[in-house]
Amino acid sequence: MTMEVVIYACQQAVPNPDFLKTQWGSEDIRLRVLSEPCSSKIEAFQLLRTLATPADLVWVIGCAEDLCRYNEGSHRLGNRIAYTQRYLTEVGLEPARVGRSVMVPGDAPALAAVVADIKARAEALGPSPLKKQG
């Protein structure tokens, strides 16, 4: 069973979303990258719907809070991630299937490290239980 990871990438933090794919290098896990104008635009229902596709892991990469173009975007996203993780716990799914990373825009070595961490998390979690339920 092929696993799938979906990354929502803030256009400010990740100006070149194709870079994520070049760093992925995994044939066992499919990567889908969705570019967003700001991480604050991502809602909890979007994250949950994406997990129900069923993706095995959903991650958001945004700017560090003090560098957010929209001042509070990264803070809002943090609250939405926390809410989504609490909801997943309530319904019996691992909250680690949703997460976020914040970074300095354009920092390629840091972005490569984030991609490696996301990939390691997906491998550790394995396929989503939603896939087994059909």
N, C-alpha and C. Protein backbone atom coordinates (compact mmCIF):
# COMPACT_ATOMS: atom_id res chain seq x y z
N MET A 1 0.85 -1.18 0.00
CA MET A 1 0.00 0.00 0.00
C MET A 1 0.90 1.24 0.00
N THR A 2 0.71 2.08 -0.98
CA THR A 2 1.49 3.31 -1.08
C THR A 2 0.96 4.34 -0.10
N MET A 3 1.87 4.93 0.64
CA MET A 3 1.48 5.99 1.56
C MET A 3 1.51 7.33 0.84
N GLU A 4 0.77 8.31 1.40
CA GLU A 4 0.74 9.64 0.81
C GLU A 4 0.89 10.69 1.91
N VAL A 5 1.76 11.65 1.65
CA VAL A 5 1.96 12.80 2.53
C VAL A 5 1.55 14.05 1.75
N VAL A 6 0.78 14.90 2.42
CA VAL A 6 0.36 16.16 1.82
C VAL A 6 1.00 17.28 2.63
N ILE A 7 1.70 18.16 1.95
CA ILE A 7 2.31 19.33 2.59
C ILE A 7 1.66 20.58 2.03
N TYR A 8 1.09 21.37 2.94
CA TYR A 8 0.63 22.71 2.58
C TYR A 8 1.81 23.64 2.83
N ALA A 9 2.24 24.36 1.81
CA ALA A 9 3.43 25.21 1.92
C ALA A 9 3.07 26.68 1.74
N CYS A 10 3.37 27.47 2.75
CA CYS A 10 3.20 28.92 2.66
C CYS A 10 4.11 29.46 1.56
N GLN A 11 3.58 30.27 0.68
CA GLN A 11 4.37 30.81 -0.43
C GLN A 11 5.51 31.70 0.03
N GLN A 12 5.38 32.29 1.21
CA GLN A 12 6.47 33.12 1.73
C GLN A 12 7.59 32.25 2.29
N ALA A 13 7.22 31.23 3.05
CA ALA A 13 8.22 30.35 3.68
C ALA A 13 8.88 29.42 2.67
N VAL A 14 8.09 29.00 1.68
CA VAL A 14 8.59 28.06 0.67
C VAL A 14 8.32 28.67 -0.71
N PRO A 15 9.17 29.62 -1.13
CA PRO A 15 8.92 30.28 -2.41
C PRO A 15 9.04 29.35 -3.61
N ASN A 16 9.75 28.24 -3.46
CA ASN A 16 9.90 27.27 -4.53
C ASN A 16 9.41 25.90 -4.05
N PRO A 17 8.11 25.62 -4.15
CA PRO A 17 7.57 24.37 -3.63
C PRO A 17 8.15 23.12 -4.31
N ASP A 18 8.66 23.26 -5.53
CA ASP A 18 9.27 22.10 -6.20
C ASP A 18 10.51 21.61 -5.47
N PHE A 19 11.14 22.49 -4.68
CA PHE A 19 12.30 22.10 -3.89
C PHE A 19 11.95 20.97 -2.94
N LEU A 20 10.73 21.00 -2.40
CA LEU A 20 10.29 19.94 -1.48
C LEU A 20 10.34 18.58 -2.17
N LYS A 21 9.87 18.54 -3.40
CA LYS A 21 9.85 17.28 -4.15
C LYS A 21 11.26 16.79 -4.46
N THR A 22 12.19 17.71 -4.74
CA THR A 22 13.56 17.28 -5.03
C THR A 22 14.24 16.71 -3.79
N GLN A 23 13.80 17.13 -2.61
CA GLN A 23 14.38 16.64 -1.36
C GLN A 23 13.72 15.36 -0.87
N TRP A 24 12.56 15.02 -1.40
CA TRP A 24 11.78 13.89 -0.90
C TRP A 24 12.47 12.57 -1.17
N GLY A 25 12.68 12.25 -2.43
CA GLY A 25 13.43 11.08 -2.83
C GLY A 25 12.89 9.74 -2.38
N SER A 26 11.65 9.63 -1.98
CA SER A 26 11.10 8.36 -1.53
C SER A 26 10.11 7.83 -2.55
N GLU A 27 10.34 6.61 -2.96
CA GLU A 27 9.41 5.99 -3.90
C GLU A 27 8.28 5.28 -3.17
N ASP A 28 8.47 5.03 -1.87
CA ASP A 28 7.46 4.31 -1.08
C ASP A 28 6.34 5.23 -0.59
N ILE A 29 6.63 6.52 -0.55
CA ILE A 29 5.66 7.48 -0.04
C ILE A 29 5.47 8.58 -1.07
N ARG A 30 4.24 8.75 -1.52
CA ARG A 30 3.92 9.78 -2.51
C ARG A 30 3.80 11.12 -1.80
N LEU A 31 4.38 12.15 -2.38
CA LEU A 31 4.32 13.49 -1.82
C LEU A 31 3.46 14.38 -2.70
N ARG A 32 2.52 15.08 -2.07
CA ARG A 32 1.70 16.07 -2.77
C ARG A 32 1.93 17.41 -2.07
N VAL A 33 2.32 18.43 -2.81
CA VAL A 33 2.60 19.75 -2.26
C VAL A 33 1.55 20.72 -2.76
N LEU A 34 0.92 21.41 -1.83
CA LEU A 34 -0.10 22.40 -2.16
C LEU A 34 0.38 23.75 -1.66
N SER A 35 0.55 24.69 -2.57
CA SER A 35 1.04 26.01 -2.22
C SER A 35 -0.12 26.88 -1.73
N GLU A 36 0.10 27.60 -0.64
CA GLU A 36 -0.91 28.48 -0.05
C GLU A 36 -0.33 29.89 0.07
N PRO A 37 -1.16 30.94 -0.05
CA PRO A 37 -0.64 32.30 0.08
C PRO A 37 -0.07 32.59 1.48
N CYS A 38 -0.65 31.96 2.50
CA CYS A 38 -0.18 32.12 3.89
C CYS A 38 -0.71 30.93 4.68
N SER A 39 0.06 30.50 5.65
CA SER A 39 -0.39 29.35 6.45
C SER A 39 -1.66 29.68 7.23
N SER A 40 -1.93 30.97 7.44
CA SER A 40 -3.15 31.35 8.17
C SER A 40 -4.41 31.04 7.37
N LYS A 41 -4.27 30.79 6.08
CA LYS A 41 -5.42 30.49 5.24
C LYS A 41 -5.89 29.04 5.40
N ILE A 42 -5.10 28.22 6.06
CA ILE A 42 -5.42 26.80 6.21
C ILE A 42 -6.29 26.61 7.44
N GLU A 43 -7.43 26.00 7.24
CA GLU A 43 -8.41 25.78 8.31
C GLU A 43 -8.35 24.35 8.81
N ALA A 44 -8.84 24.14 10.03
CA ALA A 44 -8.85 22.80 10.62
C ALA A 44 -9.64 21.82 9.75
N PHE A 45 -10.79 22.25 9.21
CA PHE A 45 -11.58 21.35 8.38
C PHE A 45 -10.82 20.90 7.15
N GLN A 46 -9.95 21.77 6.60
CA GLN A 46 -9.13 21.40 5.44
C GLN A 46 -8.16 20.28 5.80
N LEU A 47 -7.53 20.42 6.96
CA LEU A 47 -6.58 19.41 7.41
C LEU A 47 -7.29 18.07 7.63
N LEU A 48 -8.45 18.12 8.25
CA LEU A 48 -9.22 16.89 8.49
C LEU A 48 -9.71 16.27 7.19
N ARG A 49 -10.18 17.09 6.28
CA ARG A 49 -10.65 16.59 4.99
C ARG A 49 -9.50 15.95 4.22
N THR A 50 -8.33 16.56 4.30
CA THR A 50 -7.17 16.00 3.61
C THR A 50 -6.80 14.65 4.20
N LEU A 51 -6.86 14.52 5.51
CA LEU A 51 -6.59 13.23 6.15
C LEU A 51 -7.61 12.18 5.74
N ALA A 52 -8.82 12.61 5.45
CA ALA A 52 -9.88 11.68 5.08
C ALA A 52 -9.80 11.25 3.62
N THR A 53 -8.85 11.77 2.84
CA THR A 53 -8.78 11.45 1.41
C THR A 53 -8.43 10.01 1.09
N PRO A 54 -7.82 9.17 1.79
CA PRO A 54 -7.07 9.36 3.03
C PRO A 54 -5.58 9.55 2.78
N ALA A 55 -5.08 10.66 3.21
CA ALA A 55 -3.63 10.88 3.27
C ALA A 55 -3.14 10.29 4.58
N ASP A 56 -1.90 9.90 4.63
CA ASP A 56 -1.36 9.29 5.83
C ASP A 56 -0.78 10.32 6.79
N LEU A 57 -0.39 11.47 6.27
CA LEU A 57 0.18 12.54 7.08
C LEU A 57 -0.08 13.85 6.37
N VAL A 58 -0.48 14.87 7.14
CA VAL A 58 -0.70 16.21 6.58
C VAL A 58 0.18 17.17 7.37
N TRP A 59 0.95 17.97 6.67
CA TRP A 59 1.90 18.87 7.31
C TRP A 59 1.77 20.25 6.70
N VAL A 60 2.03 21.27 7.50
CA VAL A 60 2.02 22.65 7.02
C VAL A 60 3.38 23.27 7.32
N ILE A 61 3.95 23.91 6.33
CA ILE A 61 5.20 24.65 6.52
C ILE A 61 4.88 26.12 6.36
N GLY A 62 5.17 26.88 7.41
CA GLY A 62 4.90 28.31 7.40
C GLY A 62 6.09 29.10 7.91
N CYS A 63 5.92 30.39 7.95
CA CYS A 63 6.98 31.29 8.44
C CYS A 63 7.03 31.25 9.96
N ALA A 64 8.19 31.58 10.49
CA ALA A 64 8.30 31.80 11.93
C ALA A 64 7.35 32.94 12.30
N GLU A 65 6.78 32.88 13.50
CA GLU A 65 5.75 33.85 13.88
C GLU A 65 6.20 35.29 13.73
N ASP A 66 7.45 35.60 14.07
CA ASP A 66 7.91 36.98 13.98
C ASP A 66 8.22 37.42 12.55
N LEU A 67 8.17 36.48 11.61
CA LEU A 67 8.45 36.80 10.21
C LEU A 67 7.22 36.71 9.32
N CYS A 68 6.08 36.37 9.91
CA CYS A 68 4.86 36.21 9.12
C CYS A 68 4.46 37.52 8.46
N ARG A 69 4.24 37.46 7.19
CA ARG A 69 3.84 38.63 6.40
C ARG A 69 2.53 39.23 6.89
N TYR A 70 1.65 38.38 7.40
CA TYR A 70 0.35 38.84 7.85
C TYR A 70 0.27 38.94 9.37
N ASN A 71 1.41 39.07 10.01
CA ASN A 71 1.56 39.31 11.46
C ASN A 71 1.09 38.16 12.36
N GLU A 72 -0.09 37.66 12.17
CA GLU A 72 -0.62 36.63 13.07
C GLU A 72 -0.87 35.29 12.38
N GLY A 73 -0.48 35.17 11.14
CA GLY A 73 -0.77 33.96 10.38
C GLY A 73 -0.23 32.70 11.01
N SER A 74 1.03 32.69 11.39
CA SER A 74 1.64 31.51 11.99
C SER A 74 1.02 31.20 13.34
N HIS A 75 0.67 32.23 14.09
CA HIS A 75 0.02 32.02 15.39
C HIS A 75 -1.35 31.37 15.20
N ARG A 76 -2.11 31.86 14.25
CA ARG A 76 -3.43 31.27 13.96
C ARG A 76 -3.29 29.81 13.56
N LEU A 77 -2.30 29.55 12.71
CA LEU A 77 -2.10 28.17 12.28
C LEU A 77 -1.77 27.27 13.47
N GLY A 78 -0.94 27.75 14.38
CA GLY A 78 -0.61 26.96 15.57
C GLY A 78 -1.85 26.56 16.34
N ASN A 79 -2.78 27.50 16.50
CA ASN A 79 -4.04 27.19 17.19
C ASN A 79 -4.87 26.17 16.42
N ARG A 80 -4.88 26.28 15.11
CA ARG A 80 -5.67 25.35 14.29
C ARG A 80 -5.07 23.95 14.30
N ILE A 81 -3.75 23.88 14.30
CA ILE A 81 -3.08 22.56 14.38
C ILE A 81 -3.41 21.91 15.72
N ALA A 82 -3.31 22.67 16.80
CA ALA A 82 -3.60 22.14 18.13
C ALA A 82 -5.05 21.65 18.22
N TYR A 83 -5.98 22.42 17.67
CA TYR A 83 -7.39 22.01 17.65
C TYR A 83 -7.56 20.71 16.87
N THR A 84 -6.94 20.64 15.70
CA THR A 84 -7.05 19.45 14.85
C THR A 84 -6.47 18.24 15.56
N GLN A 85 -5.35 18.40 16.24
CA GLN A 85 -4.73 17.29 16.96
C GLN A 85 -5.62 16.82 18.11
N ARG A 86 -6.25 17.75 18.82
CA ARG A 86 -7.19 17.35 19.89
C ARG A 86 -8.36 16.58 19.31
N TYR A 87 -8.87 17.04 18.19
CA TYR A 87 -9.99 16.36 17.54
C TYR A 87 -9.59 14.94 17.12
N LEU A 88 -8.42 14.81 16.53
CA LEU A 88 -7.96 13.47 16.12
C LEU A 88 -7.86 12.54 17.32
N THR A 89 -7.38 13.04 18.43
CA THR A 89 -7.30 12.24 19.65
C THR A 89 -8.70 11.77 20.07
N GLU A 90 -9.66 12.67 20.01
CA GLU A 90 -11.04 12.34 20.40
C GLU A 90 -11.64 11.25 19.52
N VAL A 91 -11.29 11.22 18.25
CA VAL A 91 -11.87 10.23 17.34
C VAL A 91 -10.99 8.98 17.22
N GLY A 92 -9.90 8.93 17.95
CA GLY A 92 -9.09 7.72 17.99
C GLY A 92 -7.98 7.62 16.96
N LEU A 93 -7.60 8.72 16.36
CA LEU A 93 -6.47 8.73 15.42
C LEU A 93 -5.27 9.40 16.07
N GLU A 94 -4.09 9.06 15.60
CA GLU A 94 -2.88 9.66 16.16
C GLU A 94 -2.83 11.14 15.82
N PRO A 95 -2.67 11.98 16.84
CA PRO A 95 -2.57 13.42 16.57
C PRO A 95 -1.31 13.77 15.79
N ALA A 96 -0.33 12.90 15.80
CA ALA A 96 0.92 13.15 15.07
C ALA A 96 0.73 13.09 13.56
N ARG A 97 -0.44 12.71 13.09
CA ARG A 97 -0.70 12.66 11.64
C ARG A 97 -0.91 14.05 11.05
N VAL A 98 -0.96 15.07 11.91
CA VAL A 98 -1.07 16.46 11.47
C VAL A 98 -0.02 17.26 12.23
N GLY A 99 0.67 18.15 11.52
CA GLY A 99 1.66 18.96 12.22
C GLY A 99 2.10 20.14 11.40
N ARG A 100 3.05 20.86 11.95
CA ARG A 100 3.55 22.03 11.24
C ARG A 100 5.01 22.26 11.58
N SER A 101 5.66 22.97 10.69
CA SER A 101 7.02 23.44 10.89
C SER A 101 7.03 24.91 10.52
N VAL A 102 7.80 25.68 11.27
CA VAL A 102 7.97 27.09 10.94
C VAL A 102 9.44 27.32 10.65
N MET A 103 9.68 28.24 9.75
CA MET A 103 11.06 28.47 9.33
C MET A 103 11.26 29.87 8.78
N VAL A 104 12.51 30.20 8.60
CA VAL A 104 12.88 31.46 7.97
C VAL A 104 12.71 31.26 6.46
N PRO A 105 11.97 32.15 5.80
CA PRO A 105 11.76 32.00 4.36
C PRO A 105 13.08 31.91 3.58
N GLY A 106 13.13 30.95 2.67
CA GLY A 106 14.27 30.82 1.78
C GLY A 106 15.47 30.09 2.36
N ASP A 107 15.37 29.54 3.57
CA ASP A 107 16.48 28.81 4.19
C ASP A 107 16.48 27.37 3.68
N ALA A 108 17.18 27.12 2.58
CA ALA A 108 17.15 25.81 1.92
C ALA A 108 17.66 24.67 2.83
N PRO A 109 18.77 24.83 3.56
CA PRO A 109 19.20 23.74 4.44
C PRO A 109 18.16 23.40 5.52
N ALA A 110 17.53 24.42 6.09
CA ALA A 110 16.50 24.19 7.10
C ALA A 110 15.29 23.49 6.47
N LEU A 111 14.94 23.89 5.26
CA LEU A 111 13.81 23.27 4.57
C LEU A 111 14.11 21.81 4.26
N ALA A 112 15.32 21.51 3.84
CA ALA A 112 15.71 20.12 3.59
C ALA A 112 15.60 19.29 4.87
N ALA A 113 15.99 19.87 6.01
CA ALA A 113 15.88 19.17 7.29
C ALA A 113 14.43 18.94 7.67
N VAL A 114 13.56 19.92 7.40
CA VAL A 114 12.13 19.77 7.66
C VAL A 114 11.56 18.62 6.83
N VAL A 115 11.93 18.57 5.57
CA VAL A 115 11.44 17.50 4.68
C VAL A 115 11.89 16.14 5.22
N ALA A 116 13.13 16.03 5.65
CA ALA A 116 13.63 14.77 6.20
C ALA A 116 12.85 14.39 7.46
N ASP A 117 12.53 15.36 8.31
CA ASP A 117 11.75 15.08 9.52
C ASP A 117 10.33 14.62 9.19
N ILE A 118 9.70 15.25 8.21
CA ILE A 118 8.35 14.87 7.80
C ILE A 118 8.36 13.44 7.26
N LYS A 119 9.32 13.15 6.43
CA LYS A 119 9.44 11.81 5.86
C LYS A 119 9.65 10.76 6.96
N ALA A 120 10.51 11.06 7.92
CA ALA A 120 10.76 10.13 9.03
C ALA A 120 9.49 9.91 9.85
N ARG A 121 8.74 10.97 10.08
CA ARG A 121 7.49 10.84 10.84
C ARG A 121 6.49 9.96 10.09
N ALA A 122 6.37 10.17 8.78
CA ALA A 122 5.45 9.36 7.98
C ALA A 122 5.85 7.89 8.04
N GLU A 123 7.13 7.61 7.92
CA GLU A 123 7.61 6.23 7.97
C GLU A 123 7.33 5.61 9.34
N ALA A 124 7.51 6.37 10.40
CA ALA A 124 7.29 5.86 11.76
C ALA A 124 5.80 5.59 12.02
N LEU A 125 4.93 6.46 11.51
CA LEU A 125 3.50 6.28 11.71
C LEU A 125 2.92 5.14 10.87
N GLY A 126 3.44 4.98 9.68
CA GLY A 126 2.90 3.97 8.77
C GLY A 126 1.58 4.42 8.16
N PRO A 127 0.92 3.51 7.46
CA PRO A 127 -0.33 3.85 6.79
C PRO A 127 -1.43 4.27 7.77
N SER A 128 -2.28 5.16 7.32
CA SER A 128 -3.40 5.63 8.13
C SER A 128 -4.37 4.49 8.40
N PRO A 129 -4.91 4.42 9.61
CA PRO A 129 -5.94 3.42 9.89
C PRO A 129 -7.19 3.62 9.04
N LEU A 130 -7.39 4.82 8.52
CA LEU A 130 -8.55 5.08 7.66
C LEU A 130 -8.48 4.27 6.37
N LYS A 131 -7.27 4.01 5.89
CA LYS A 131 -7.11 3.21 4.67
C LYS A 131 -7.53 1.77 4.89
N LYS A 132 -7.28 1.27 6.08
CA LYS A 132 -7.63 -0.11 6.41
C LYS A 132 -9.15 -0.29 6.50
N GLN A 133 -9.85 0.80 6.88
CA GLN A 133 -11.30 0.72 7.01
C GLN A 133 -12.00 0.84 5.67
N GLY A 134 -11.25 1.27 4.66
CA GLY A 134 -11.83 1.41 3.34
C GLY A 134 -12.53 2.70 3.23
